[in-house]
C-alpha atoms as a PDB file:
ATOM      1  CA  UNK A   1      45.830   9.970   4.345  1.00  0.00           C
ATOM      2  CA  UNK A   2      43.917   7.848   2.356  1.00  0.00           C
ATOM      3  CA  UNK A   3      40.437   6.217   3.146  1.00  0.00           C
ATOM      4  CA  UNK A   4      40.431   2.452   3.463  1.00  0.00           C
ATOM      5  CA  UNK A   5      37.813  -0.274   2.475  1.00  0.00           C
ATOM      6  CA  UNK A   6      33.985   0.556   2.785  1.00  0.00           C
ATOM      7  CA  UNK A   7      32.898  -1.397   5.867  1.00  0.00           C
ATOM      8  CA  UNK A   8      29.629  -0.912   6.101  1.00  0.00           C
ATOM      9  CA  UNK A   9      26.602   0.950   5.124  1.00  0.00           C
ATOM     10  CA  UNK A  10      24.196   1.903   8.181  1.00  0.00           C
ATOM     11  CA  UNK A  11      20.519   1.426   7.658  1.00  0.00           C
ATOM     12  CA  UNK A  12      18.116   3.090  10.178  1.00  0.00           C
ATOM     13  CA  UNK A  13      15.134   1.104  10.835  1.00  0.00           C
ATOM     14  CA  UNK A  14      12.157   1.036  13.224  1.00  0.00           C
ATOM     15  CA  UNK A  15      12.619  -2.767  13.237  1.00  0.00           C
ATOM     16  CA  UNK A  16      15.325  -4.669  13.304  1.00  0.00           C
ATOM     17  CA  UNK A  17      13.259  -8.037  13.372  1.00  0.00           C
ATOM     18  CA  UNK A  18      11.489  -6.867   9.811  1.00  0.00           C
ATOM     19  CA  UNK A  19      14.701  -5.696   8.593  1.00  0.00           C
ATOM     20  CA  UNK A  20      16.398  -8.910   9.360  1.00  0.00           C
ATOM     21  CA  UNK A  21      13.849 -10.905   7.429  1.00  0.00           C
ATOM     22  CA  UNK A  22      14.040  -8.403   4.351  1.00  0.00           C
ATOM     23  CA  UNK A  23      17.690  -8.652   3.974  1.00  0.00           C
ATOM     24  CA  UNK A  24      17.695 -12.634   4.679  1.00  0.00           C
ATOM     25  CA  UNK A  25      14.627 -13.456   2.625  1.00  0.00           C
ATOM     26  CA  UNK A  26      14.700 -10.718  -0.225  1.00  0.00           C
ATOM     27  CA  UNK A  27      18.238  -9.399  -0.691  1.00  0.00           C
ATOM     28  CA  UNK A  28      19.890 -12.821  -0.046  1.00  0.00           C
ATOM     29  CA  UNK A  29      22.269 -11.934   3.003  1.00  0.00           C
ATOM     30  CA  UNK A  30      24.479 -14.862   3.744  1.00  0.00           C
ATOM     31  CA  UNK A  31      24.921 -14.322   7.439  1.00  0.00           C
ATOM     32  CA  UNK A  32      23.092 -12.215  10.074  1.00  0.00           C
ATOM     33  CA  UNK A  33      24.646 -11.705  13.318  1.00  0.00           C
ATOM     34  CA  UNK A  34      23.052 -11.493  16.823  1.00  0.00           C
ATOM     35  CA  UNK A  35      21.669  -8.119  17.701  1.00  0.00           C
ATOM     36  CA  UNK A  36      23.107  -6.224  20.586  1.00  0.00           C
ATOM     37  CA  UNK A  37      22.304  -2.867  22.530  1.00  0.00           C
ATOM     38  CA  UNK A  38      25.000  -0.156  22.167  1.00  0.00           C
ATOM     39  CA  UNK A  39      23.768   2.053  24.931  1.00  0.00           C
ATOM     40  CA  UNK A  40      26.478   4.607  24.594  1.00  0.00           C
ATOM     41  CA  UNK A  41      24.958   5.191  21.298  1.00  0.00           C
ATOM     42  CA  UNK A  42      21.385   4.849  22.036  1.00  0.00           C
ATOM     43  CA  UNK A  43      20.907   2.157  19.438  1.00  0.00           C
ATOM     44  CA  UNK A  44      20.487  -1.574  19.115  1.00  0.00           C
ATOM     45  CA  UNK A  45      22.593  -2.780  16.301  1.00  0.00           C
ATOM     46  CA  UNK A  46      22.811  -5.828  14.049  1.00  0.00           C
ATOM     47  CA  UNK A  47      25.233  -6.506  11.189  1.00  0.00           C
ATOM     48  CA  UNK A  48      24.351  -8.372   8.172  1.00  0.00           C
ATOM     49  CA  UNK A  49      26.766  -9.769   5.474  1.00  0.00           C
ATOM     50  CA  UNK A  50      26.108  -9.480   2.052  1.00  0.00           C
ATOM     51  CA  UNK A  51      26.951 -12.135  -0.708  1.00  0.00           C
ATOM     52  CA  UNK A  52      30.568 -11.402  -2.074  1.00  0.00           C
ATOM     53  CA  UNK A  53      31.999 -12.730  -5.399  1.00  0.00           C
ATOM     54  CA  UNK A  54      34.768 -15.654  -5.425  1.00  0.00           C
ATOM     55  CA  UNK A  55      34.640 -16.519  -2.187  1.00  0.00           C
ATOM     56  CA  UNK A  56      35.148 -13.115  -0.706  1.00  0.00           C
ATOM     57  CA  UNK A  57      32.248 -11.458   1.805  1.00  0.00           C
ATOM     58  CA  UNK A  58      30.452  -8.354   0.790  1.00  0.00           C
ATOM     59  CA  UNK A  59      30.063  -5.144   2.489  1.00  0.00           C
ATOM     60  CA  UNK A  60      28.111  -5.607   5.510  1.00  0.00           C
ATOM     61  CA  UNK A  61      24.805  -3.659   6.557  1.00  0.00           C
ATOM     62  CA  UNK A  62      24.516  -2.194   9.880  1.00  0.00           C
ATOM     63  CA  UNK A  63      20.998  -2.076  10.828  1.00  0.00           C
ATOM     64  CA  UNK A  64      20.360   0.359  13.810  1.00  0.00           C
ATOM     65  CA  UNK A  65      17.074   0.750  15.597  1.00  0.00           C
ATOM     66  CA  UNK A  66      16.641   3.429  18.446  1.00  0.00           C
ATOM     67  CA  UNK A  67      16.915   2.506  21.892  1.00  0.00           C
ATOM     68  CA  UNK A  68      14.061   4.914  23.171  1.00  0.00           C
ATOM     69  CA  UNK A  69      13.240   8.437  22.428  1.00  0.00           C
ATOM     70  CA  UNK A  70      16.573   9.852  23.446  1.00  0.00           C
ATOM     71  CA  UNK A  71      18.347   7.750  20.796  1.00  0.00           C
ATOM     72  CA  UNK A  72      19.749   9.987  17.977  1.00  0.00           C
ATOM     73  CA  UNK A  73      18.296   7.685  15.618  1.00  0.00           C
ATOM     74  CA  UNK A  74      14.941   8.397  17.056  1.00  0.00           C
ATOM     75  CA  UNK A  75      14.589  11.750  15.184  1.00  0.00           C
ATOM     76  CA  UNK A  76      15.659  10.361  11.973  1.00  0.00           C
ATOM     77  CA  UNK A  77      12.993   7.546  12.143  1.00  0.00           C
ATOM     78  CA  UNK A  78      10.518  10.412  13.197  1.00  0.00           C
ATOM     79  CA  UNK A  79      11.409  12.145   9.681  1.00  0.00           C
ATOM     80  CA  UNK A  80      11.804   8.614   7.774  1.00  0.00           C
ATOM     81  CA  UNK A  81       9.211   6.184   9.310  1.00  0.00           C
ATOM     82  CA  UNK A  82      10.126   3.533   7.015  1.00  0.00           C
ATOM     83  CA  UNK A  83      13.567   3.824   7.866  1.00  0.00           C
ATOM     84  CA  UNK A  84      16.706   4.235   5.424  1.00  0.00           C
ATOM     85  CA  UNK A  85      20.331   4.721   4.637  1.00  0.00           C
ATOM     86  CA  UNK A  86      22.022   6.626   7.688  1.00  0.00           C
ATOM     87  CA  UNK A  87      25.642   6.563   7.137  1.00  0.00           C
ATOM     88  CA  UNK A  88      28.686   5.100   5.379  1.00  0.00           C
ATOM     89  CA  UNK A  89      31.773   3.888   7.282  1.00  0.00           C
ATOM     90  CA  UNK A  90      35.263   3.917   5.867  1.00  0.00           C
ATOM     91  CA  UNK A  91      38.098   2.135   7.520  1.00  0.00           C
ATOM     92  CA  UNK A  92      41.467   3.959   8.366  1.00  0.00           C
ATOM     93  CA  UNK A  93      44.628   2.604  10.192  1.00  0.00           C
ATOM     94  CA  UNK A  94      44.932   5.240  12.717  1.00  0.00           C
ATOM     95  CA  UNK A  95      41.925   7.108  14.157  1.00  0.00           C
ATOM     96  CA  UNK A  96      43.629   9.882  15.490  1.00  0.00           C
ATOM     97  CA  UNK A  97      45.618  10.718  12.297  1.00  0.00           C
ATOM     98  CA  UNK A  98      42.286  10.668  10.711  1.00  0.00           C
ATOM     99  CA  UNK A  99      40.433  13.126  12.896  1.00  0.00           C
ATOM    100  CA  UNK A 100      43.632  15.531  12.522  1.00  0.00           C
ATOM    101  CA  UNK A 101      43.565  15.011   8.567  1.00  0.00           C
ATOM    102  CA  UNK A 102      39.808  15.867   8.369  1.00  0.00           C
ATOM    103  CA  UNK A 103      40.014  18.938  10.682  1.00  0.00           C
ATOM    104  CA  UNK A 104      43.080  20.106   8.717  1.00  0.00           C
ATOM    105  CA  UNK A 105      40.939  20.001   5.640  1.00  0.00           C
ATOM    106  CA  UNK A 106      38.163  22.263   7.730  1.00  0.00           C
ATOM    107  CA  UNK A 107      35.851  19.220   7.992  1.00  0.00           C
ATOM    108  CA  UNK A 108      33.322  19.360  10.636  1.00  0.00           C
ATOM    109  CA  UNK A 109      34.157  16.225  13.042  1.00  0.00           C
ATOM    110  CA  UNK A 110      31.219  15.333  15.259  1.00  0.00           C
ATOM    111  CA  UNK A 111      32.577  14.810  18.628  1.00  0.00           C
ATOM    112  CA  UNK A 112      35.360  13.086  20.188  1.00  0.00           C
ATOM    113  CA  UNK A 113      36.380   9.376  18.753  1.00  0.00           C
ATOM    114  CA  UNK A 114      34.733   6.774  20.817  1.00  0.00           C
ATOM    115  CA  UNK A 115      34.108   3.064  20.634  1.00  0.00           C
ATOM    116  CA  UNK A 116      31.739   1.965  17.894  1.00  0.00           C
ATOM    117  CA  UNK A 117      29.856  -1.112  17.103  1.00  0.00           C
ATOM    118  CA  UNK A 118      32.990  -3.274  15.814  1.00  0.00           C
ATOM    119  CA  UNK A 119      34.605  -2.545  19.248  1.00  0.00           C
ATOM    120  CA  UNK A 120      37.155   0.213  17.455  1.00  0.00           C
ATOM    121  CA  UNK A 121      37.271   3.897  17.697  1.00  0.00           C
ATOM    122  CA  UNK A 122      34.990   5.747  15.454  1.00  0.00           C
ATOM    123  CA  UNK A 123      33.949   9.273  14.825  1.00  0.00           C
ATOM    124  CA  UNK A 124      31.718  10.886  12.261  1.00  0.00           C
ATOM    125  CA  UNK A 125      32.006  13.639   9.637  1.00  0.00           C
ATOM    126  CA  UNK A 126      29.170  16.012   9.046  1.00  0.00           C
ATOM    127  CA  UNK A 127      27.421  15.259   5.834  1.00  0.00           C
ATOM    128  CA  UNK A 128      27.790  18.885   4.784  1.00  0.00           C
ATOM    129  CA  UNK A 129      31.288  18.144   4.401  1.00  0.00           C
ATOM    130  CA  UNK A 130      30.929  14.874   2.728  1.00  0.00           C
ATOM    131  CA  UNK A 131      29.061  15.365  -0.110  1.00  0.00           C
ATOM    132  CA  UNK A 132      25.679  15.232   1.620  1.00  0.00           C
ATOM    133  CA  UNK A 133      26.483  11.746   3.197  1.00  0.00           C
ATOM    134  CA  UNK A 134      26.956  11.168   6.981  1.00  0.00           C
ATOM    135  CA  UNK A 135      30.186   9.561   6.986  1.00  0.00           C
ATOM    136  CA  UNK A 136      31.520   7.361   9.748  1.00  0.00           C
ATOM    137  CA  UNK A 137      35.453   6.853  10.052  1.00  0.00           C
ATOM    138  CA  UNK A 138      36.523   3.831  11.849  1.00  0.00           C
ATOM    139  CA  UNK A 139      39.954   2.346  12.960  1.00  0.00           C
ATOM    140  CA  UNK A 140      40.383  -0.996  10.996  1.00  0.00           C
ATOM    141  CA  UNK A 141      39.322  -3.857  13.420  1.00  0.00           C
ATOM    142  CA  UNK A 142      42.466  -5.860  14.465  1.00  0.00           C
ATOM    143  CA  UNK A 143      40.405  -9.082  13.865  1.00  0.00           C
ATOM    144  CA  UNK A 144      37.648  -9.724  11.372  1.00  0.00           C
ATOM    145  CA  UNK A 145      33.928  -9.166  12.442  1.00  0.00           C
END
């Protein structure tokens, strides 16, 4: 098993609107996608494309804002009022093979695979097992997002 490309970096934010302005006006984001609610995960999401080189797109930033007090991101924002890096997401060709591989290594997979913001199956691996970083594993999307 080998991890694929870094798909995105998840950034928790108390305000998608303010974060979008920051990434567009200060960081030079080339495209911001329409925000959308992901109620199953308790978040509002917006993807931002960073500039790439040589005609390629950069890594996406996934801005995540809590959808109320029951959101798992709500606690993160309570501890980090300005927001901050929440997770890193890597692609894999087969989500179930990846889950079995991580579990075979003794890594703590957080829950069963579910559909993520890109519309493909995902799961998370506990930060204690990933060098201190909450890591999202996602099946490579069948079409570009």
